[in-house]
Amino acid sequence: MYLLIIILNKEEYLDDVLSVLVEMGITDVTILDTQSLEMALAYKVPIFAGLKFQLGGRTPYSKTIFVLAEEKDAGKEIIKLLKGVGIDLQERGVARIVTVKIESVLGTPPEVDTNI
């Protein structure tokens, strides 16, 4: 089993990412509202306020998505499927996907009805 950590800097792609996960049969997903160090400095530390102008109007927040997947290459599959609908997660500043091997998982996730 693998843990995918998707750091999605462009929140407008969240629905597309979640749709791809469901399409892949992956429903054991947790989503957190997060903020990068760069954004925190630019928006909360006065001495770094000038960074806001370099950020090009990006929102100061991102989504971090934790995904439990059976396949090691699930991250590559997510990238491939999203490219098929015109979203390139590998474009600079859009997202990062980190894959970590998991030794064990305890507990069970809630049921997700994908037939809604």
Protein backbone atom coordinates (compact mmCIF):
# COMPACT_ATOMS: atom_id res chain seq x y z
CA MET A 1 0.00 0.00 0.00
CA TYR A 2 1.12 3.55 -0.76
CA LEU A 3 0.34 6.99 0.60
CA LEU A 4 0.09 9.67 -2.06
CA ILE A 5 0.41 13.21 -0.81
CA ILE A 6 -0.92 15.63 -3.40
CA ILE A 7 -0.10 19.26 -2.69
CA LEU A 8 -2.51 21.10 -4.95
CA ASN A 9 -1.55 24.76 -5.24
CA LYS A 10 -4.30 25.52 -7.77
CA GLU A 11 -7.46 24.88 -5.78
CA GLU A 12 -9.61 25.29 -8.89
CA TYR A 13 -8.45 21.80 -9.95
CA LEU A 14 -9.70 20.09 -6.77
CA ASP A 15 -12.95 18.79 -8.30
CA ASP A 16 -11.04 17.38 -11.27
CA VAL A 17 -8.51 15.64 -9.04
CA LEU A 18 -11.25 14.13 -6.89
CA SER A 19 -13.16 12.98 -9.98
CA VAL A 20 -10.05 11.21 -11.28
CA LEU A 21 -9.53 9.49 -7.91
CA VAL A 22 -13.11 8.20 -7.90
CA GLU A 23 -12.72 7.11 -11.54
CA MET A 24 -9.66 5.10 -10.44
CA GLY A 25 -11.70 3.48 -7.66
CA ILE A 26 -9.82 5.34 -4.92
CA THR A 27 -12.09 6.67 -2.16
CA ASP A 28 -9.83 6.52 0.92
CA VAL A 29 -8.96 10.22 0.69
CA THR A 30 -8.51 13.04 3.19
CA ILE A 31 -8.30 16.71 2.19
CA LEU A 32 -6.71 19.46 4.27
CA ASP A 33 -6.59 23.23 3.77
CA THR A 34 -2.91 24.16 3.81
CA GLN A 35 -0.50 27.00 3.13
CA SER A 36 3.09 26.99 1.89
CA LEU A 37 5.89 28.79 3.70
CA GLU A 38 6.17 31.24 0.79
CA MET A 39 2.49 32.16 1.06
CA ALA A 40 2.55 32.43 4.84
CA LEU A 41 5.51 34.79 4.68
CA ALA A 42 3.97 36.87 1.90
CA TYR A 43 0.59 37.28 3.57
CA LYS A 44 1.35 37.21 7.30
CA VAL A 45 4.85 38.56 7.90
CA PRO A 46 5.06 42.30 7.11
CA ILE A 47 8.74 42.29 6.15
CA PHE A 48 7.95 39.82 3.33
CA ALA A 49 4.80 41.60 2.10
CA GLY A 50 6.55 42.45 -1.17
CA LEU A 51 6.39 38.77 -2.12
CA LYS A 52 2.64 39.18 -2.75
CA PHE A 53 3.39 41.04 -5.95
CA GLN A 54 5.60 38.21 -7.21
CA LEU A 55 2.88 35.62 -6.62
CA GLY A 56 0.77 36.86 -9.50
CA GLY A 57 -2.58 36.96 -7.72
CA ARG A 58 -2.45 33.35 -6.50
CA THR A 59 -4.55 32.62 -3.45
CA PRO A 60 -2.55 32.12 -0.27
CA TYR A 61 -3.99 28.64 0.31
CA SER A 62 -3.69 25.20 -1.20
CA LYS A 63 -5.18 21.76 -0.66
CA THR A 64 -3.19 18.81 0.57
CA ILE A 65 -4.81 15.51 -0.34
CA PHE A 66 -3.83 12.28 1.38
CA VAL A 67 -4.64 9.21 -0.71
CA LEU A 68 -4.23 5.55 0.22
CA ALA A 69 -3.62 3.58 -2.98
CA GLU A 70 -2.73 -0.02 -3.76
CA GLU A 71 -0.56 0.78 -6.77
CA LYS A 72 2.89 2.41 -6.62
CA ASP A 73 2.26 4.24 -9.90
CA ALA A 74 -1.12 5.72 -8.90
CA GLY A 75 0.40 9.22 -8.92
CA LYS A 76 1.58 8.79 -12.51
CA GLU A 77 -1.89 7.55 -13.48
CA ILE A 78 -3.49 10.61 -11.87
CA ILE A 79 -1.18 12.89 -13.86
CA LYS A 80 -1.96 11.01 -17.10
CA LEU A 81 -5.74 11.13 -16.61
CA LEU A 82 -5.71 14.83 -15.75
CA LYS A 83 -3.57 15.63 -18.81
CA GLY A 84 -6.37 14.00 -20.82
CA VAL A 85 -8.72 16.79 -19.69
CA GLY A 86 -6.18 19.59 -20.16
CA ILE A 87 -4.75 19.83 -16.63
CA ASP A 88 -0.99 19.47 -16.28
CA LEU A 89 -0.11 18.84 -12.64
CA GLN A 90 3.57 18.88 -13.57
CA GLU A 91 3.41 22.50 -14.75
CA ARG A 92 5.42 24.71 -12.39
CA GLY A 93 3.45 25.77 -9.31
CA VAL A 94 0.35 23.63 -9.96
CA ALA A 95 0.92 20.60 -7.75
CA ARG A 96 3.32 18.05 -6.32
CA ILE A 97 2.69 14.38 -5.72
CA VAL A 98 4.77 12.46 -3.20
CA THR A 99 4.50 8.66 -2.97
CA VAL A 100 5.43 6.91 0.29
CA LYS A 101 5.44 3.14 0.92
CA ILE A 102 3.18 2.25 3.85
CA GLU A 103 4.00 -0.64 6.17
CA SER A 104 0.54 -0.96 7.68
CA VAL A 105 -2.80 0.77 7.94
CA LEU A 106 -5.06 0.33 10.96
CA GLY A 107 -8.78 1.06 11.01
CA THR A 108 -11.21 1.34 8.14
CA PRO A 109 -12.36 4.37 6.17
CA PRO A 110 -16.02 5.39 6.04
CA GLU A 111 -18.07 4.07 3.12
CA VAL A 112 -18.24 6.40 0.13
CA ASP A 113 -21.19 6.03 -2.23
CA THR A 114 -19.83 6.93 -5.67
CA ASN A 115 -23.17 6.18 -7.36
CA ILE A 116 -24.79 9.46 -6.30
